[in-house]
N, C-alpha and C. Protein backbone atom coordinates (compact mmCIF):
# COMPACT_ATOMS: atom_id res chain seq x y z
N MET A 1 0.82 -1.19 0.00
CA MET A 1 0.00 0.00 0.00
C MET A 1 0.87 1.27 0.00
N TYR A 2 1.97 1.25 0.75
CA TYR A 2 2.83 2.43 0.84
C TYR A 2 4.22 2.16 0.27
N GLY A 3 4.34 1.15 -0.57
CA GLY A 3 5.63 0.83 -1.15
C GLY A 3 6.63 0.45 -0.08
N ASP A 4 7.83 1.01 -0.16
CA ASP A 4 8.86 0.69 0.84
C ASP A 4 8.99 1.79 1.90
N LEU A 5 7.95 2.60 2.08
CA LEU A 5 7.98 3.67 3.07
C LEU A 5 8.14 3.12 4.49
N TYR A 6 7.39 2.08 4.82
CA TYR A 6 7.46 1.47 6.15
C TYR A 6 8.18 0.13 6.03
N ARG A 7 9.32 0.04 6.71
CA ARG A 7 10.16 -1.15 6.62
C ARG A 7 10.58 -1.60 8.02
N GLN A 8 11.19 -2.76 8.07
CA GLN A 8 11.66 -3.32 9.34
C GLN A 8 12.69 -2.40 10.01
N ASP A 9 13.45 -1.65 9.21
CA ASP A 9 14.50 -0.81 9.80
C ASP A 9 14.03 0.59 10.19
N ASN A 10 12.74 0.95 9.94
CA ASN A 10 12.29 2.28 10.32
C ASN A 10 10.92 2.28 11.04
N VAL A 11 10.46 1.12 11.46
CA VAL A 11 9.18 1.02 12.16
C VAL A 11 9.36 0.21 13.43
N VAL A 12 8.73 0.67 14.50
CA VAL A 12 8.72 -0.08 15.75
C VAL A 12 7.27 -0.36 16.09
N MET A 13 6.95 -1.63 16.35
CA MET A 13 5.60 -1.99 16.74
C MET A 13 5.65 -2.64 18.11
N SER A 14 4.65 -2.36 18.91
CA SER A 14 4.60 -2.89 20.26
C SER A 14 3.18 -3.31 20.59
N GLY A 15 3.03 -4.45 21.26
CA GLY A 15 1.71 -4.91 21.69
C GLY A 15 1.60 -4.88 23.19
N THR A 16 0.38 -4.68 23.68
CA THR A 16 0.19 -4.60 25.13
C THR A 16 -0.66 -5.73 25.69
N HIS A 17 -1.18 -6.60 24.84
CA HIS A 17 -2.02 -7.70 25.31
C HIS A 17 -1.56 -8.99 24.65
N SER A 18 -1.91 -10.11 25.25
CA SER A 18 -1.48 -11.39 24.69
C SER A 18 -2.20 -11.70 23.38
N GLY A 19 -3.37 -11.14 23.15
CA GLY A 19 -4.07 -11.36 21.88
C GLY A 19 -4.39 -12.81 21.66
N LEU A 20 -3.96 -13.34 20.55
CA LEU A 20 -4.24 -14.72 20.19
C LEU A 20 -3.47 -15.69 21.07
N ALA A 21 -3.97 -16.89 21.14
CA ALA A 21 -3.31 -17.90 21.96
C ALA A 21 -1.88 -18.16 21.51
N ARG A 22 -1.64 -18.16 20.23
CA ARG A 22 -0.28 -18.42 19.74
C ARG A 22 0.57 -17.16 19.73
N TYR A 23 -0.03 -16.03 20.04
CA TYR A 23 0.70 -14.77 19.94
C TYR A 23 1.95 -14.78 20.79
N PHE A 24 1.85 -15.26 22.03
CA PHE A 24 3.03 -15.35 22.89
C PHE A 24 3.68 -16.73 22.84
N GLN A 25 3.06 -17.66 22.15
CA GLN A 25 3.57 -19.01 21.97
C GLN A 25 3.78 -19.74 23.29
N PHE A 26 2.88 -19.52 24.24
CA PHE A 26 2.91 -20.27 25.48
C PHE A 26 2.04 -21.51 25.33
N THR A 27 2.54 -22.64 25.78
CA THR A 27 1.83 -23.90 25.63
C THR A 27 0.45 -23.87 26.25
N LEU A 28 0.30 -23.29 27.44
CA LEU A 28 -1.00 -23.25 28.08
C LEU A 28 -2.02 -22.49 27.24
N PHE A 29 -1.62 -21.39 26.62
CA PHE A 29 -2.53 -20.66 25.74
C PHE A 29 -2.94 -21.53 24.56
N MET A 30 -1.99 -22.26 24.00
CA MET A 30 -2.27 -23.13 22.85
C MET A 30 -3.29 -24.21 23.22
N ILE A 31 -3.11 -24.83 24.37
CA ILE A 31 -3.98 -25.93 24.79
C ILE A 31 -5.41 -25.43 25.01
N THR A 32 -5.55 -24.30 25.68
CA THR A 32 -6.88 -23.81 26.05
C THR A 32 -7.63 -23.15 24.90
N SER A 33 -6.97 -22.87 23.79
CA SER A 33 -7.64 -22.18 22.68
C SER A 33 -7.80 -23.05 21.44
N SER A 34 -7.44 -24.28 21.51
CA SER A 34 -7.49 -25.19 20.35
C SER A 34 -6.45 -24.85 19.29
N GLY A 35 -5.41 -24.13 19.67
CA GLY A 35 -4.31 -23.86 18.75
C GLY A 35 -4.56 -22.73 17.77
N TYR A 36 -3.94 -22.82 16.62
CA TYR A 36 -3.99 -21.78 15.59
C TYR A 36 -5.39 -21.66 15.00
N ILE A 37 -5.94 -20.45 15.00
CA ILE A 37 -7.26 -20.20 14.44
C ILE A 37 -7.10 -19.09 13.40
N LYS A 38 -7.16 -19.49 12.13
CA LYS A 38 -6.87 -18.57 11.03
C LYS A 38 -7.74 -17.31 11.05
N PRO A 39 -9.05 -17.37 11.27
CA PRO A 39 -9.84 -16.13 11.30
C PRO A 39 -9.37 -15.14 12.37
N SER A 40 -8.90 -15.66 13.50
CA SER A 40 -8.39 -14.78 14.56
C SER A 40 -7.11 -14.10 14.12
N VAL A 41 -6.23 -14.85 13.49
CA VAL A 41 -4.97 -14.28 13.00
C VAL A 41 -5.26 -13.23 11.93
N GLN A 42 -6.21 -13.52 11.03
CA GLN A 42 -6.56 -12.58 9.97
C GLN A 42 -7.15 -11.29 10.56
N ALA A 43 -7.97 -11.42 11.60
CA ALA A 43 -8.55 -10.24 12.24
C ALA A 43 -7.45 -9.38 12.88
N MET A 44 -6.47 -10.03 13.50
CA MET A 44 -5.37 -9.29 14.12
C MET A 44 -4.54 -8.57 13.05
N LEU A 45 -4.27 -9.24 11.95
CA LEU A 45 -3.52 -8.63 10.85
C LEU A 45 -4.28 -7.46 10.26
N ASN A 46 -5.58 -7.64 10.01
CA ASN A 46 -6.39 -6.56 9.44
C ASN A 46 -6.42 -5.35 10.37
N GLY A 47 -6.54 -5.57 11.67
CA GLY A 47 -6.54 -4.47 12.63
C GLY A 47 -5.23 -3.73 12.65
N THR A 48 -4.12 -4.47 12.55
CA THR A 48 -2.79 -3.86 12.53
C THR A 48 -2.63 -2.99 11.28
N LEU A 49 -3.02 -3.53 10.13
CA LEU A 49 -2.90 -2.76 8.89
C LEU A 49 -3.80 -1.53 8.91
N LYS A 50 -5.00 -1.66 9.46
CA LYS A 50 -5.91 -0.51 9.56
C LYS A 50 -5.30 0.57 10.46
N SER A 51 -4.67 0.16 11.56
CA SER A 51 -4.03 1.13 12.46
C SER A 51 -2.89 1.87 11.78
N ILE A 52 -2.11 1.15 11.00
CA ILE A 52 -1.02 1.79 10.25
C ILE A 52 -1.58 2.79 9.25
N ASP A 53 -2.65 2.41 8.54
CA ASP A 53 -3.27 3.29 7.55
C ASP A 53 -3.83 4.55 8.21
N ILE A 54 -4.52 4.40 9.34
CA ILE A 54 -5.07 5.56 10.05
C ILE A 54 -3.94 6.48 10.52
N SER A 55 -2.89 5.89 11.07
CA SER A 55 -1.75 6.69 11.54
C SER A 55 -1.11 7.45 10.39
N HIS A 56 -0.94 6.78 9.25
CA HIS A 56 -0.33 7.41 8.09
C HIS A 56 -1.16 8.60 7.62
N ARG A 57 -2.47 8.44 7.57
CA ARG A 57 -3.35 9.52 7.11
C ARG A 57 -3.40 10.70 8.10
N ASN A 58 -3.00 10.46 9.34
CA ASN A 58 -3.04 11.51 10.36
C ASN A 58 -1.67 12.12 10.67
N LEU A 59 -0.68 11.83 9.85
CA LEU A 59 0.65 12.41 10.06
C LEU A 59 0.58 13.93 10.01
N ARG A 60 1.29 14.59 10.90
CA ARG A 60 1.36 16.04 10.96
C ARG A 60 2.81 16.45 11.25
N PRO A 61 3.21 17.61 10.80
CA PRO A 61 4.55 18.09 11.15
C PRO A 61 4.68 18.22 12.67
N ALA A 62 5.86 17.96 13.18
CA ALA A 62 6.09 18.05 14.62
C ALA A 62 7.51 18.52 14.88
N ARG A 63 7.76 18.91 16.14
CA ARG A 63 9.10 19.30 16.56
C ARG A 63 9.51 18.41 17.72
N ILE A 64 10.77 18.11 17.77
CA ILE A 64 11.33 17.37 18.91
C ILE A 64 12.33 18.30 19.60
N LEU A 65 12.12 18.54 20.86
CA LEU A 65 13.02 19.41 21.63
C LEU A 65 13.84 18.55 22.57
N ILE A 66 15.12 18.79 22.61
CA ILE A 66 16.03 18.08 23.52
C ILE A 66 16.66 19.11 24.43
N ILE A 67 16.53 18.89 25.72
CA ILE A 67 17.09 19.81 26.72
C ILE A 67 18.13 19.04 27.52
N LEU A 68 19.31 19.56 27.60
CA LEU A 68 20.38 18.95 28.37
C LEU A 68 20.58 19.73 29.65
N GLY A 69 20.84 19.05 30.73
CA GLY A 69 21.08 19.73 31.99
C GLY A 69 21.31 18.74 33.10
N GLU A 70 21.47 19.25 34.28
CA GLU A 70 21.71 18.41 35.45
C GLU A 70 20.45 18.37 36.29
N LEU A 71 20.05 17.17 36.67
CA LEU A 71 18.88 16.99 37.52
C LEU A 71 19.35 16.71 38.94
N ILE A 72 18.96 17.56 39.85
CA ILE A 72 19.33 17.40 41.26
C ILE A 72 18.10 16.96 42.01
N THR A 73 18.20 15.84 42.71
CA THR A 73 17.06 15.34 43.48
C THR A 73 17.37 15.35 44.96
N ALA A 74 16.35 15.53 45.76
CA ALA A 74 16.51 15.47 47.22
C ALA A 74 16.25 14.04 47.68
N ILE A 75 17.07 13.57 48.58
CA ILE A 75 16.91 12.20 49.09
C ILE A 75 16.11 12.21 50.36
């Protein structure tokens, strides 16, 4: 969809939930969920791609400020 704009060397993705049973590849999750379920994997993939598309369409110019100094804390 975006050519080579988003690649392994310039994108960071992070998840906050275990999601699918195989997502973390823990045996207990596999046993209790009947293993790999293709519709679930497809839904997760579709949601990820939709999130990337929404983020791309909402890109805006931004500034990054870096301040250097010494932080003194009271003990």
